[in-house]
Amino acid sequence: MAARPSILAATLALLLPAAAAAVEVRLTYPAIGRLMAEQVFTQEGRKYVSGAREKRCDFAYLETPAAGEWNGQLIVKARFSGRKGLDLLGRCVGLGDAFDLTVAATPLVKRGKLVLSDVRVDTGGKDSFYTRRVRKALAESLEKDFSLDIAARARELLEDISPTTRYRRELTTFEFRQVKVTPEAIVLDVDFALTVR
């Protein structure tokens, strides 16, 4: 009677054909929303783009993000709240507002992180001196500071480096080839090597 193939041999047989071609990683928009909540909107569900929570009269933040697609671009809808003023006798004097906005951007991958380029901000018809400044500042801030660490998340999902396991899996290469935006997900073409020890 022939010996049954080991689990390791079966795993290798499945992985070897994939080594010759890129693997497609699909990040659905609900998953992107959760990644944003975990990695970007980390201060009580907020992403401060100016000032800080402690500054009553000088802050700007985004909250309640929801990701999607429109016309081949990544769309993020969020709530903006901000104030730019001075504290005079316990009262804030200056500009401030709160409104819903939509960010449209082209996603790119740089050094294993999903970043945004060509960022445009729409404030849903609201137009004032303050909202124009908000649109400009947000576009610059998100293009410079926004990133999702996709390579780190892939490492968490694929690796098993626990000393108690019999076979350790280690992601030794993880490189992006291309990013596509579809109506259902952001699709990443990835080359990776998984080493089993």
Protein backbone atom coordinates (compact mmCIF):
# COMPACT_ATOMS: atom_id res chain seq x y z
CA MET A 1 0.00 0.00 0.00
CA ALA A 2 1.43 3.40 -1.05
CA ALA A 3 2.25 5.92 1.66
CA ARG A 4 -0.12 8.86 1.95
CA PRO A 5 1.48 12.22 1.08
CA SER A 6 2.31 14.38 4.09
CA ILE A 7 0.56 17.65 4.81
CA LEU A 8 3.80 19.46 3.99
CA ALA A 9 4.00 17.83 0.54
CA ALA A 10 0.37 18.69 -0.18
CA THR A 11 0.94 22.30 0.88
CA LEU A 12 4.01 22.57 -1.33
CA ALA A 13 2.12 21.10 -4.28
CA LEU A 14 -0.50 23.82 -3.90
CA LEU A 15 2.03 26.63 -3.53
CA LEU A 16 4.46 25.72 -6.32
CA PRO A 17 2.18 26.51 -9.30
CA ALA A 18 1.43 29.92 -7.79
CA ALA A 19 5.13 30.77 -7.56
CA ALA A 20 5.36 31.35 -11.33
CA ALA A 21 2.62 33.98 -11.52
CA ALA A 22 1.42 36.93 -9.49
CA VAL A 23 -1.22 36.30 -6.88
CA GLU A 24 -4.30 38.50 -6.78
CA VAL A 25 -5.16 39.97 -3.38
CA ARG A 26 -8.65 41.47 -3.26
CA LEU A 27 -9.32 44.02 -0.53
CA THR A 28 -13.09 44.55 -0.36
CA TYR A 29 -14.30 47.98 0.69
CA PRO A 30 -15.67 46.80 4.06
CA ALA A 31 -12.22 45.31 4.77
CA ILE A 32 -10.56 48.59 3.75
CA GLY A 33 -12.90 50.40 6.14
CA ARG A 34 -11.83 48.08 8.98
CA LEU A 35 -8.14 48.54 8.07
CA MET A 36 -8.62 52.32 8.14
CA ALA A 37 -10.27 52.07 11.56
CA GLU A 38 -7.39 49.92 12.89
CA GLN A 39 -4.45 51.77 11.30
CA VAL A 40 -5.52 55.34 10.54
CA PHE A 41 -8.60 56.38 12.55
CA THR A 42 -6.95 55.42 15.81
CA GLN A 43 -7.76 58.31 18.17
CA GLU A 44 -11.23 57.42 19.49
CA GLY A 45 -12.30 56.55 15.93
CA ARG A 46 -10.86 59.79 14.55
CA LYS A 47 -8.02 60.77 12.22
CA TYR A 48 -6.66 64.16 13.29
CA VAL A 49 -5.38 66.08 10.30
CA SER A 50 -4.60 69.21 12.29
CA GLY A 51 -4.22 70.04 15.97
CA ALA A 52 -5.16 67.53 18.65
CA ARG A 53 -8.04 66.42 20.88
CA GLU A 54 -6.66 68.50 23.77
CA LYS A 55 -6.83 71.76 21.78
CA ARG A 56 -10.39 73.03 22.11
CA CYS A 57 -10.03 75.81 19.55
CA ASP A 58 -7.51 74.40 17.07
CA PHE A 59 -8.31 70.96 15.64
CA ALA A 60 -9.53 69.18 12.53
CA TYR A 61 -10.41 65.51 12.26
CA LEU A 62 -12.20 62.94 10.14
CA GLU A 63 -14.40 60.18 11.54
CA THR A 64 -16.82 57.42 10.44
CA PRO A 65 -15.01 56.49 7.21
CA ALA A 66 -16.66 54.34 4.54
CA ALA A 67 -14.74 53.22 1.44
CA GLY A 68 -16.04 52.52 -2.04
CA GLU A 69 -15.32 53.01 -5.74
CA TRP A 70 -16.38 55.60 -8.25
CA ASN A 71 -15.16 55.94 -11.83
CA GLY A 72 -12.05 53.83 -11.22
CA GLN A 73 -10.97 55.71 -8.10
CA LEU A 74 -11.04 54.91 -4.40
CA ILE A 75 -13.72 56.93 -2.61
CA VAL A 76 -13.71 57.52 1.14
CA LYS A 77 -16.76 59.21 2.68
CA ALA A 78 -16.21 60.65 6.15
CA ARG A 79 -17.45 63.27 8.61
CA PHE A 80 -15.22 66.33 9.07
CA SER A 81 -15.19 68.47 12.21
CA GLY A 82 -12.82 71.36 12.70
CA ARG A 83 -12.16 74.66 14.36
CA LYS A 84 -9.48 77.28 13.89
CA GLY A 85 -9.73 79.97 16.51
CA LEU A 86 -8.49 81.50 19.74
CA ASP A 87 -9.55 80.73 23.30
CA LEU A 88 -10.80 84.03 24.74
CA LEU A 89 -12.09 83.77 28.30
CA GLY A 90 -13.14 80.16 27.80
CA ARG A 91 -14.85 80.72 24.44
CA CYS A 92 -13.51 79.81 21.01
CA VAL A 93 -13.50 82.73 18.63
CA GLY A 94 -12.80 81.94 14.98
CA LEU A 95 -13.81 79.69 12.12
CA GLY A 96 -15.25 76.19 12.46
CA ASP A 97 -17.68 73.77 10.91
CA ALA A 98 -18.75 70.13 10.66
CA PHE A 99 -19.92 68.43 7.46
CA ASP A 100 -19.82 65.23 5.41
CA LEU A 101 -17.23 65.03 2.68
CA THR A 102 -15.99 62.68 0.01
CA VAL A 103 -12.34 62.01 -0.79
CA ALA A 104 -11.51 60.67 -4.26
CA ALA A 105 -8.00 59.37 -4.87
CA THR A 106 -5.88 57.01 -6.90
CA PRO A 107 -4.43 54.24 -4.70
CA LEU A 108 -0.76 53.33 -5.14
CA VAL A 109 1.57 51.02 -3.27
CA LYS A 110 4.85 52.41 -1.92
CA ARG A 111 7.19 50.33 0.23
CA GLY A 112 4.47 47.81 1.06
CA LYS A 113 1.89 50.44 2.01
CA LEU A 114 -1.26 51.52 0.21
CA VAL A 115 -1.07 55.31 -0.23
CA LEU A 116 -3.19 57.92 -1.99
CA SER A 117 -2.27 60.18 -4.91
CA ASP A 118 -4.23 62.73 -6.95
CA VAL A 119 -6.41 63.39 -3.88
CA ARG A 120 -9.51 65.52 -4.38
CA VAL A 121 -11.95 66.50 -1.64
CA ASP A 122 -15.62 67.31 -2.26
CA THR A 123 -17.60 69.02 0.50
CA GLY A 124 -21.02 68.28 -1.00
CA GLY A 125 -21.83 71.75 -2.29
CA LYS A 126 -20.65 73.58 0.83
CA ASP A 127 -18.46 76.44 -0.31
CA SER A 128 -16.99 79.09 1.94
CA PHE A 129 -13.59 80.46 2.80
CA TYR A 130 -13.30 77.80 5.53
CA THR A 131 -14.40 74.83 3.39
CA ARG A 132 -12.01 75.86 0.59
CA ARG A 133 -9.14 75.87 3.10
CA VAL A 134 -10.32 72.50 4.46
CA ARG A 135 -10.40 70.94 0.96
CA LYS A 136 -6.89 72.14 0.16
CA ALA A 137 -5.41 71.16 3.55
CA LEU A 138 -7.07 67.72 3.57
CA ALA A 139 -5.92 66.87 0.04
CA GLU A 140 -2.32 67.74 0.98
CA SER A 141 -2.48 65.95 4.35
CA LEU A 142 -4.04 62.73 3.04
CA GLU A 143 -1.62 62.52 0.11
CA LYS A 144 1.32 62.96 2.48
CA ASP A 145 0.23 61.06 5.62
CA PHE A 146 -2.42 58.45 4.76
CA SER A 147 -1.19 54.86 4.41
CA LEU A 148 -2.41 51.31 5.07
CA ASP A 149 0.29 48.74 5.82
CA ILE A 150 -0.82 45.91 3.52
CA ALA A 151 2.49 44.00 3.70
CA ALA A 152 2.29 43.82 7.52
CA ARG A 153 -1.29 42.54 7.36
CA ALA A 154 -0.29 39.89 4.78
CA ARG A 155 2.52 38.82 7.10
CA GLU A 156 0.00 38.38 9.96
CA LEU A 157 -2.31 36.29 7.78
CA LEU A 158 0.26 34.07 6.04
CA GLU A 159 3.04 33.55 8.56
CA ASP A 160 3.19 31.19 11.49
CA ILE A 161 6.46 31.69 13.35
CA SER A 162 5.30 30.37 16.69
CA PRO A 163 8.00 28.22 18.34
CA THR A 164 5.37 25.59 19.23
CA THR A 165 4.39 24.73 15.65
CA ARG A 166 6.02 21.83 13.84
CA TYR A 167 6.42 23.69 10.54
CA ARG A 168 7.05 27.42 10.57
CA ARG A 169 5.78 29.58 7.69
CA GLU A 170 7.70 32.76 6.92
CA LEU A 171 6.90 35.33 4.24
CA THR A 172 10.34 36.01 2.75
CA THR A 173 9.25 38.14 -0.24
CA PHE A 174 6.17 40.29 -0.74
CA GLU A 175 6.20 42.67 -3.72
CA PHE A 176 3.40 44.54 -5.46
CA ARG A 177 3.14 44.61 -9.25
CA GLN A 178 -0.05 46.54 -9.87
CA VAL A 179 -3.07 48.13 -8.16
CA LYS A 180 -6.54 48.12 -9.75
CA VAL A 181 -9.77 49.62 -8.46
CA THR A 182 -12.93 47.64 -9.23
CA PRO A 183 -16.53 48.22 -8.10
CA GLU A 184 -16.17 45.47 -5.44
CA ALA A 185 -12.57 45.78 -4.23
CA ILE A 186 -9.08 47.13 -4.64
CA VAL A 187 -7.13 44.38 -6.41
CA LEU A 188 -3.40 44.03 -5.76
CA ASP A 189 -1.22 41.87 -8.00
CA VAL A 190 1.44 40.49 -5.67
CA ASP A 191 4.55 38.32 -5.96
CA PHE A 192 5.36 36.55 -2.74
CA ALA A 193 7.51 33.74 -1.45
CA LEU A 194 6.45 31.69 1.56
CA THR A 195 9.19 29.63 3.16
CA VAL A 196 8.24 26.59 5.24
CA ARG A 197 10.90 25.58 7.78
